Amino acid sequence: MSFEKAQKIGVVIWGVLALGFVLLATKNGYFLIALPVGIGCLAFAAGLVNDIRCGRDE
C-alpha cells in the first residue's frame, strides 16, 4: 500500500471518529468531553488532508 493511500484511509478513519464524538456529544449531552475530542479528531483529519495536498510524505 502506498503512503498516500494510507494517508487517505487515515483521513476517513479520523473523520469517522470526529463524527462519532460529535454525535455522542449532541445525543447524550457529554459536551465537555466528547465535543473537544471530536473537534481535535477533525483538526487532525484536516491536517492529513493538508499533507496530502502539499505532497508531504514524512
N, C-alpha and C. Protein backbone atom coordinates (compact mmCIF):
# COMPACT_ATOMS: atom_id res chain seq x y z
N MET A 1 0.85 -1.18 0.00
CA MET A 1 0.00 0.00 0.00
C MET A 1 0.89 1.24 0.00
N SER A 2 0.56 2.18 -0.85
CA SER A 2 1.36 3.41 -0.91
C SER A 2 1.06 4.28 0.31
N PHE A 3 2.00 5.17 0.57
CA PHE A 3 1.85 6.04 1.73
C PHE A 3 0.67 6.99 1.55
N GLU A 4 0.47 7.47 0.32
CA GLU A 4 -0.64 8.40 0.07
C GLU A 4 -1.99 7.71 0.29
N LYS A 5 -2.09 6.46 -0.12
CA LYS A 5 -3.34 5.71 0.10
C LYS A 5 -3.57 5.51 1.60
N ALA A 6 -2.50 5.22 2.32
CA ALA A 6 -2.61 5.06 3.78
C ALA A 6 -3.06 6.36 4.43
N GLN A 7 -2.56 7.50 3.93
CA GLN A 7 -2.98 8.79 4.47
C GLN A 7 -4.47 9.02 4.22
N LYS A 8 -4.94 8.66 3.03
CA LYS A 8 -6.36 8.86 2.72
C LYS A 8 -7.24 7.99 3.61
N ILE A 9 -6.80 6.76 3.86
CA ILE A 9 -7.54 5.89 4.78
C ILE A 9 -7.54 6.50 6.18
N GLY A 10 -6.42 7.08 6.59
CA GLY A 10 -6.34 7.76 7.88
C GLY A 10 -7.31 8.92 7.99
N VAL A 11 -7.45 9.68 6.90
CA VAL A 11 -8.40 10.79 6.90
C VAL A 11 -9.82 10.28 7.12
N VAL A 12 -10.17 9.19 6.46
CA VAL A 12 -11.51 8.62 6.62
C VAL A 12 -11.72 8.15 8.06
N ILE A 13 -10.73 7.46 8.61
CA ILE A 13 -10.85 6.96 9.99
C ILE A 13 -11.00 8.11 10.98
N TRP A 14 -10.14 9.13 10.87
CA TRP A 14 -10.22 10.26 11.79
C TRP A 14 -11.51 11.05 11.60
N GLY A 15 -11.99 11.14 10.35
CA GLY A 15 -13.26 11.82 10.09
C GLY A 15 -14.43 11.10 10.72
N VAL A 16 -14.43 9.76 10.63
CA VAL A 16 -15.49 8.97 11.25
C VAL A 16 -15.43 9.09 12.77
N LEU A 17 -14.22 9.07 13.32
CA LEU A 17 -14.07 9.27 14.78
C LEU A 17 -14.62 10.62 15.20
N ALA A 18 -14.28 11.66 14.44
CA ALA A 18 -14.77 13.00 14.77
C ALA A 18 -16.29 13.05 14.73
N LEU A 19 -16.88 12.47 13.68
CA LEU A 19 -18.33 12.45 13.57
C LEU A 19 -18.96 11.69 14.73
N GLY A 20 -18.35 10.57 15.10
CA GLY A 20 -18.87 9.79 16.22
C GLY A 20 -18.84 10.55 17.53
N PHE A 21 -17.74 11.25 17.80
CA PHE A 21 -17.65 12.01 19.05
C PHE A 21 -18.62 13.19 19.05
N VAL A 22 -18.79 13.85 17.90
CA VAL A 22 -19.73 14.97 17.84
C VAL A 22 -21.16 14.46 18.03
N LEU A 23 -21.50 13.32 17.42
CA LEU A 23 -22.83 12.75 17.62
C LEU A 23 -23.05 12.33 19.07
N LEU A 24 -22.01 11.77 19.70
CA LEU A 24 -22.10 11.40 21.10
C LEU A 24 -22.36 12.64 21.96
N ALA A 25 -21.68 13.73 21.63
CA ALA A 25 -21.86 14.96 22.40
C ALA A 25 -23.27 15.51 22.24
N THR A 26 -23.82 15.45 21.04
CA THR A 26 -25.15 16.03 20.84
C THR A 26 -26.26 15.12 21.36
N LYS A 27 -26.05 13.80 21.27
CA LYS A 27 -27.11 12.87 21.71
C LYS A 27 -27.17 12.72 23.22
N ASN A 28 -26.02 12.54 23.85
CA ASN A 28 -26.02 12.20 25.28
C ASN A 28 -25.65 13.36 26.19
N GLY A 29 -25.30 14.49 25.62
CA GLY A 29 -25.00 15.65 26.43
C GLY A 29 -23.61 15.69 27.04
N TYR A 30 -22.69 14.91 26.50
CA TYR A 30 -21.31 14.93 27.00
C TYR A 30 -20.51 16.02 26.30
N PHE A 31 -20.97 17.25 26.38
CA PHE A 31 -20.35 18.33 25.61
C PHE A 31 -18.92 18.61 26.04
N LEU A 32 -18.66 18.58 27.35
CA LEU A 32 -17.34 18.99 27.84
C LEU A 32 -16.24 18.01 27.46
N ILE A 33 -16.59 16.75 27.23
CA ILE A 33 -15.59 15.74 26.90
C ILE A 33 -15.61 15.41 25.42
N ALA A 34 -16.76 15.03 24.92
CA ALA A 34 -16.84 14.48 23.56
C ALA A 34 -16.67 15.54 22.48
N LEU A 35 -17.20 16.73 22.68
CA LEU A 35 -17.11 17.75 21.64
C LEU A 35 -15.68 18.21 21.38
N PRO A 36 -14.88 18.53 22.41
CA PRO A 36 -13.48 18.89 22.14
C PRO A 36 -12.68 17.76 21.50
N VAL A 37 -12.93 16.52 21.91
CA VAL A 37 -12.23 15.38 21.30
C VAL A 37 -12.62 15.25 19.84
N GLY A 38 -13.90 15.42 19.54
CA GLY A 38 -14.37 15.37 18.16
C GLY A 38 -13.75 16.47 17.31
N ILE A 39 -13.66 17.66 17.86
CA ILE A 39 -13.04 18.77 17.14
C ILE A 39 -11.55 18.50 16.92
N GLY A 40 -10.90 17.90 17.91
CA GLY A 40 -9.49 17.53 17.75
C GLY A 40 -9.28 16.49 16.67
N CYS A 41 -10.16 15.49 16.61
CA CYS A 41 -10.08 14.47 15.56
C CYS A 41 -10.29 15.10 14.19
N LEU A 42 -11.23 16.03 14.11
CA LEU A 42 -11.49 16.71 12.85
C LEU A 42 -10.29 17.55 12.42
N ALA A 43 -9.66 18.22 13.39
CA ALA A 43 -8.47 19.02 13.08
C ALA A 43 -7.33 18.13 12.61
N PHE A 44 -7.18 16.96 13.21
CA PHE A 44 -6.13 16.03 12.79
C PHE A 44 -6.40 15.54 11.37
N ALA A 45 -7.66 15.23 11.06
CA ALA A 45 -8.02 14.80 9.70
C ALA A 45 -7.74 15.92 8.71
N ALA A 46 -8.04 17.16 9.09
CA ALA A 46 -7.77 18.29 8.21
C ALA A 46 -6.27 18.46 7.97
N GLY A 47 -5.47 18.20 9.00
CA GLY A 47 -4.01 18.24 8.84
C GLY A 47 -3.51 17.18 7.88
N LEU A 48 -4.09 15.98 7.93
CA LEU A 48 -3.72 14.93 6.99
C LEU A 48 -4.11 15.31 5.56
N VAL A 49 -5.28 15.92 5.40
CA VAL A 49 -5.70 16.37 4.06
C VAL A 49 -4.71 17.41 3.54
N ASN A 50 -4.29 18.32 4.40
CA ASN A 50 -3.31 19.33 4.01
C ASN A 50 -1.99 18.68 3.60
N ASP A 51 -1.55 17.67 4.34
CA ASP A 51 -0.32 16.95 3.99
C ASP A 51 -0.44 16.28 2.63
N ILE A 52 -1.60 15.70 2.35
CA ILE A 52 -1.81 15.03 1.06
C ILE A 52 -1.78 16.06 -0.07
N ARG A 53 -2.43 17.19 0.13
CA ARG A 53 -2.46 18.22 -0.92
C ARG A 53 -1.09 18.81 -1.18
N CYS A 54 -0.29 18.97 -0.13
CA CYS A 54 1.05 19.54 -0.29
C CYS A 54 2.05 18.51 -0.78
N GLY A 55 1.67 17.24 -0.78
CA GLY A 55 2.57 16.19 -1.23
C GLY A 55 3.62 15.83 -0.21
N ARG A 56 3.33 16.08 1.05
CA ARG A 56 4.29 15.78 2.12
C ARG A 56 4.25 14.30 2.43
N ASP A 57 5.38 13.64 2.41
CA ASP A 57 5.44 12.19 2.63
C ASP A 57 6.02 11.81 3.98
N GLU A 58 6.38 12.77 4.79
CA GLU A 58 7.06 12.44 6.04
C GLU A 58 6.17 12.71 7.22
